[in-house]
Amino acid sequence: MAKIGQLRGRRGHRTNWVPVAVYVLLVLLVGGGLFAWDQAYEARQRALFAPASPPVIVRNMIESIVGAGTVSNVKIDDKAGTLDVTVKDVLVKPGQPLDEKKKNLSTEGALAIQFVQSRLRYKTMTVHLVQAKDGKPLATVTAGGQAAPKTEYAPDLR
């Protein structure tokens, strides 16, 4: 048996293992790099196609009805099955008759609730309509289960 240091190839030359080791190391590095890149790419793709969280869905749904940037707060209590949303009113204008203000507020809140109910189920849904300028409460629209939304107006609108 020949010792490792005494291995000889054809014609009595020593076998040089350094190029083979460099080649194997290069293949392992390239393979490891490709594997790491593939894992990172797959993670990015999964993140892109992950479903949005319920508060984001609710915000987007209501803003598609009322207007962009109108939803200021979304609270979801999964245990109690409640949804509480604060929305800046866009329909009530200064100088409108009281009946028209009430009709606009009721419609705005009811549409928001009905649109959310078409996709998500909550035991109780509440939409607080506030003035866009100062956040003063105007009305609260509430719906429980499949019942029609009920509107409660601020004291100065009664």
C-alpha atoms as a PDB file:
ATOM      1  CA  MET A   1       0.000   0.000   0.000  1.00  0.00           C
ATOM      2  CA  ALA A   2       1.195   3.426  -0.825  1.00  0.00           C
ATOM      3  CA  LYS A   3       0.973   6.262   1.625  1.00  0.00           C
ATOM      4  CA  ILE A   4      -1.070   9.357   0.810  1.00  0.00           C
ATOM      5  CA  GLY A   5       1.962  11.535   0.266  1.00  0.00           C
ATOM      6  CA  GLN A   6       3.465   8.961  -2.067  1.00  0.00           C
ATOM      7  CA  LEU A   7       0.546   8.573  -4.495  1.00  0.00           C
ATOM      8  CA  ARG A   8       1.768   8.726  -8.008  1.00  0.00           C
ATOM      9  CA  GLY A   9      -0.249   9.006 -11.154  1.00  0.00           C
ATOM     10  CA  ARG A  10       0.754   7.925 -14.596  1.00  0.00           C
ATOM     11  CA  ARG A  11       4.396   8.131 -15.492  1.00  0.00           C
ATOM     12  CA  GLY A  12       5.452   8.662 -11.914  1.00  0.00           C
ATOM     13  CA  HIS A  13       3.977  12.157 -11.410  1.00  0.00           C
ATOM     14  CA  ARG A  14       2.334  13.102  -8.150  1.00  0.00           C
ATOM     15  CA  THR A  15      -1.462  13.619  -8.266  1.00  0.00           C
ATOM     16  CA  ASN A  16      -2.215  17.273  -7.485  1.00  0.00           C
ATOM     17  CA  TRP A  17      -5.378  17.457  -5.351  1.00  0.00           C
ATOM     18  CA  VAL A  18      -5.520  21.302  -5.083  1.00  0.00           C
ATOM     19  CA  PRO A  19      -7.360  21.932  -8.419  1.00  0.00           C
ATOM     20  CA  VAL A  20      -9.888  19.208  -7.550  1.00  0.00           C
ATOM     21  CA  ALA A  21     -10.488  20.705  -4.086  1.00  0.00           C
ATOM     22  CA  VAL A  22     -10.867  24.208  -5.560  1.00  0.00           C
ATOM     23  CA  TYR A  23     -13.349  22.887  -8.134  1.00  0.00           C
ATOM     24  CA  VAL A  24     -15.400  21.058  -5.464  1.00  0.00           C
ATOM     25  CA  LEU A  25     -15.346  24.137  -3.215  1.00  0.00           C
ATOM     26  CA  LEU A  26     -16.448  26.362  -6.116  1.00  0.00           C
ATOM     27  CA  VAL A  27     -19.310  24.006  -6.998  1.00  0.00           C
ATOM     28  CA  LEU A  28     -20.425  23.924  -3.341  1.00  0.00           C
ATOM     29  CA  LEU A  29     -20.291  27.730  -3.048  1.00  0.00           C
ATOM     30  CA  VAL A  30     -22.233  28.281  -6.283  1.00  0.00           C
ATOM     31  CA  GLY A  31     -24.781  25.631  -5.296  1.00  0.00           C
ATOM     32  CA  GLY A  32     -25.162  27.122  -1.816  1.00  0.00           C
ATOM     33  CA  GLY A  33     -25.546  30.603  -3.276  1.00  0.00           C
ATOM     34  CA  LEU A  34     -28.216  29.433  -5.706  1.00  0.00           C
ATOM     35  CA  PHE A  35     -30.046  27.644  -2.904  1.00  0.00           C
ATOM     36  CA  ALA A  36     -29.957  30.755  -0.675  1.00  0.00           C
ATOM     37  CA  TRP A  37     -31.128  32.980  -3.549  1.00  0.00           C
ATOM     38  CA  ASP A  38     -34.002  30.605  -4.331  1.00  0.00           C
ATOM     39  CA  GLN A  39     -35.111  30.553  -0.687  1.00  0.00           C
ATOM     40  CA  ALA A  40     -35.046  34.355  -0.491  1.00  0.00           C
ATOM     41  CA  TYR A  41     -36.963  34.657  -3.784  1.00  0.00           C
ATOM     42  CA  GLU A  42     -39.625  32.213  -2.613  1.00  0.00           C
ATOM     43  CA  ALA A  43     -40.000  34.088   0.693  1.00  0.00           C
ATOM     44  CA  ARG A  44     -40.509  37.387  -1.187  1.00  0.00           C
ATOM     45  CA  GLN A  45     -43.109  35.776  -3.437  1.00  0.00           C
ATOM     46  CA  ARG A  46     -45.000  34.312  -0.468  1.00  0.00           C
ATOM     47  CA  ALA A  47     -45.014  37.744   1.200  1.00  0.00           C
ATOM     48  CA  LEU A  48     -46.389  39.393  -1.946  1.00  0.00           C
ATOM     49  CA  PHE A  49     -49.294  36.985  -2.224  1.00  0.00           C
ATOM     50  CA  ALA A  50     -50.125  36.664   1.476  1.00  0.00           C
ATOM     51  CA  PRO A  51     -53.667  37.802   2.253  1.00  0.00           C
ATOM     52  CA  ALA A  52     -54.046  41.190   3.886  1.00  0.00           C
ATOM     53  CA  SER A  53     -55.011  41.427   7.539  1.00  0.00           C
ATOM     54  CA  PRO A  54     -58.709  42.060   8.347  1.00  0.00           C
ATOM     55  CA  PRO A  55     -58.163  45.703   9.463  1.00  0.00           C
ATOM     56  CA  VAL A  56     -56.497  46.473   6.134  1.00  0.00           C
ATOM     57  CA  ILE A  57     -59.321  44.776   4.210  1.00  0.00           C
ATOM     58  CA  VAL A  58     -61.955  46.729   6.181  1.00  0.00           C
ATOM     59  CA  ARG A  59     -60.087  50.025   5.681  1.00  0.00           C
ATOM     60  CA  ASN A  60     -59.755  49.460   1.929  1.00  0.00           C
ATOM     61  CA  MET A  61     -63.386  48.403   1.538  1.00  0.00           C
ATOM     62  CA  ILE A  62     -64.777  51.422   3.383  1.00  0.00           C
ATOM     63  CA  GLU A  63     -62.403  53.833   1.663  1.00  0.00           C
ATOM     64  CA  SER A  64     -63.547  52.482  -1.711  1.00  0.00           C
ATOM     65  CA  ILE A  65     -67.099  53.556  -0.771  1.00  0.00           C
ATOM     66  CA  VAL A  66     -66.528  56.778   1.192  1.00  0.00           C
ATOM     67  CA  GLY A  67     -63.231  58.017  -0.233  1.00  0.00           C
ATOM     68  CA  ALA A  68     -59.472  57.625   0.115  1.00  0.00           C
ATOM     69  CA  GLY A  69     -57.982  58.597   3.463  1.00  0.00           C
ATOM     70  CA  THR A  70     -61.340  58.808   5.250  1.00  0.00           C
ATOM     71  CA  VAL A  71     -60.928  55.850   7.629  1.00  0.00           C
ATOM     72  CA  SER A  72     -59.011  57.008  10.690  1.00  0.00           C
ATOM     73  CA  ASN A  73     -59.411  54.017  13.001  1.00  0.00           C
ATOM     74  CA  VAL A  74     -60.296  50.324  12.713  1.00  0.00           C
ATOM     75  CA  LYS A  75     -60.728  48.160  15.814  1.00  0.00           C
ATOM     76  CA  ILE A  76     -61.557  44.475  15.552  1.00  0.00           C
ATOM     77  CA  ASP A  77     -62.284  42.291  18.560  1.00  0.00           C
ATOM     78  CA  ASP A  78     -62.262  38.716  17.286  1.00  0.00           C
ATOM     79  CA  LYS A  79     -63.351  37.259  20.630  1.00  0.00           C
ATOM     80  CA  ALA A  80     -66.465  39.414  20.860  1.00  0.00           C
ATOM     81  CA  GLY A  81     -66.945  39.489  17.075  1.00  0.00           C
ATOM     82  CA  THR A  82     -67.126  43.273  16.893  1.00  0.00           C
ATOM     83  CA  LEU A  83     -65.894  45.795  14.378  1.00  0.00           C
ATOM     84  CA  ASP A  84     -65.539  49.472  15.303  1.00  0.00           C
ATOM     85  CA  VAL A  85     -64.556  51.958  12.588  1.00  0.00           C
ATOM     86  CA  THR A  86     -64.135  55.737  12.670  1.00  0.00           C
ATOM     87  CA  VAL A  87     -64.764  57.442   9.337  1.00  0.00           C
ATOM     88  CA  LYS A  88     -64.399  61.086   8.340  1.00  0.00           C
ATOM     89  CA  ASP A  89     -67.649  62.232   6.769  1.00  0.00           C
ATOM     90  CA  VAL A  90     -67.522  63.528   3.204  1.00  0.00           C
ATOM     91  CA  LEU A  91     -71.202  64.102   2.402  1.00  0.00           C
ATOM     92  CA  VAL A  92     -72.367  66.658   4.980  1.00  0.00           C
ATOM     93  CA  LYS A  93     -71.752  70.214   3.827  1.00  0.00           C
ATOM     94  CA  PRO A  94     -72.306  73.464   5.717  1.00  0.00           C
ATOM     95  CA  GLY A  95     -75.737  74.954   5.059  1.00  0.00           C
ATOM     96  CA  GLN A  96     -77.477  71.666   4.254  1.00  0.00           C
ATOM     97  CA  PRO A  97     -80.941  71.179   5.713  1.00  0.00           C
ATOM     98  CA  LEU A  98     -81.026  68.960   8.823  1.00  0.00           C
ATOM     99  CA  ASP A  99     -83.046  66.211   7.120  1.00  0.00           C
ATOM    100  CA  GLU A 100     -80.577  66.023   4.252  1.00  0.00           C
ATOM    101  CA  LYS A 101     -77.615  65.833   6.680  1.00  0.00           C
ATOM    102  CA  LYS A 102     -79.302  62.977   8.541  1.00  0.00           C
ATOM    103  CA  LYS A 103     -80.085  61.146   5.313  1.00  0.00           C
ATOM    104  CA  ASN A 104     -76.500  61.516   4.067  1.00  0.00           C
ATOM    105  CA  LEU A 105     -74.984  60.322   7.353  1.00  0.00           C
ATOM    106  CA  SER A 106     -77.317  57.355   7.594  1.00  0.00           C
ATOM    107  CA  THR A 107     -76.659  56.359   3.977  1.00  0.00           C
ATOM    108  CA  GLU A 108     -72.906  56.770   4.299  1.00  0.00           C
ATOM    109  CA  GLY A 109     -72.720  54.587   7.396  1.00  0.00           C
ATOM    110  CA  ALA A 110     -75.174  51.971   6.131  1.00  0.00           C
ATOM    111  CA  LEU A 111     -73.348  51.580   2.816  1.00  0.00           C
ATOM    112  CA  ALA A 112     -70.035  51.116   4.605  1.00  0.00           C
ATOM    113  CA  ILE A 113     -71.520  48.463   6.906  1.00  0.00           C
ATOM    114  CA  GLN A 114     -73.329  46.611   4.119  1.00  0.00           C
ATOM    115  CA  PHE A 115     -70.234  46.538   1.940  1.00  0.00           C
ATOM    116  CA  VAL A 116     -68.098  45.127   4.743  1.00  0.00           C
ATOM    117  CA  GLN A 117     -70.846  42.610   5.633  1.00  0.00           C
ATOM    118  CA  SER A 118     -70.727  41.303   2.068  1.00  0.00           C
ATOM    119  CA  ARG A 119     -67.190  39.988   2.686  1.00  0.00           C
ATOM    120  CA  LEU A 120     -66.652  39.704   6.444  1.00  0.00           C
ATOM    121  CA  ARG A 121     -68.914  38.561   9.269  1.00  0.00           C
ATOM    122  CA  TYR A 122     -69.058  40.281  12.648  1.00  0.00           C
ATOM    123  CA  LYS A 123     -71.729  40.090  15.328  1.00  0.00           C
ATOM    124  CA  THR A 124     -71.775  43.865  15.736  1.00  0.00           C
ATOM    125  CA  MET A 125     -70.460  46.483  13.349  1.00  0.00           C
ATOM    126  CA  THR A 126     -70.229  50.144  14.340  1.00  0.00           C
ATOM    127  CA  VAL A 127     -69.262  53.073  12.127  1.00  0.00           C
ATOM    128  CA  HIS A 128     -68.576  56.395  13.849  1.00  0.00           C
ATOM    129  CA  LEU A 129     -68.946  59.265  11.406  1.00  0.00           C
ATOM    130  CA  VAL A 130     -66.962  62.357  12.403  1.00  0.00           C
ATOM    131  CA  GLN A 131     -66.334  65.743  10.835  1.00  0.00           C
ATOM    132  CA  ALA A 132     -63.270  65.770   8.603  1.00  0.00           C
ATOM    133  CA  LYS A 133     -61.986  69.094   9.993  1.00  0.00           C
ATOM    134  CA  ASP A 134     -62.078  68.612  13.746  1.00  0.00           C
ATOM    135  CA  GLY A 135     -63.168  65.018  14.361  1.00  0.00           C
ATOM    136  CA  LYS A 136     -66.423  66.113  16.024  1.00  0.00           C
ATOM    137  CA  PRO A 137     -68.875  63.174  16.191  1.00  0.00           C
ATOM    138  CA  LEU A 138     -71.813  63.452  13.811  1.00  0.00           C
ATOM    139  CA  ALA A 139     -73.462  60.027  13.924  1.00  0.00           C
ATOM    140  CA  THR A 140     -72.973  56.395  14.884  1.00  0.00           C
ATOM    141  CA  VAL A 141     -74.336  53.671  12.629  1.00  0.00           C
ATOM    142  CA  THR A 142     -74.620  50.204  14.169  1.00  0.00           C
ATOM    143  CA  ALA A 143     -75.695  46.849  12.767  1.00  0.00           C
ATOM    144  CA  GLY A 144     -75.899  43.546  14.581  1.00  0.00           C
ATOM    145  CA  GLY A 145     -75.981  40.285  12.627  1.00  0.00           C
ATOM    146  CA  GLN A 146     -78.319  40.567   9.651  1.00  0.00           C
ATOM    147  CA  ALA A 147     -80.373  43.422  11.155  1.00  0.00           C
ATOM    148  CA  ALA A 148     -80.684  46.678   9.256  1.00  0.00           C
ATOM    149  CA  PRO A 149     -78.204  49.376  10.321  1.00  0.00           C
ATOM    150  CA  LYS A 150     -79.497  51.855  12.924  1.00  0.00           C
ATOM    151  CA  THR A 151     -78.275  55.434  13.066  1.00  0.00           C
ATOM    152  CA  GLU A 152     -77.867  57.495  16.218  1.00  0.00           C
ATOM    153  CA  TYR A 153     -77.160  61.165  15.588  1.00  0.00           C
ATOM    154  CA  ALA A 154     -75.078  63.629  17.593  1.00  0.00           C
ATOM    155  CA  PRO A 155     -77.101  65.929  19.917  1.00  0.00           C
ATOM    156  CA  ASP A 156     -76.799  68.942  17.615  1.00  0.00           C
ATOM    157  CA  LEU A 157     -78.358  66.955  14.724  1.00  0.00           C
ATOM    158  CA  ARG A 158     -81.438  65.745  16.605  1.00  0.00           C
END
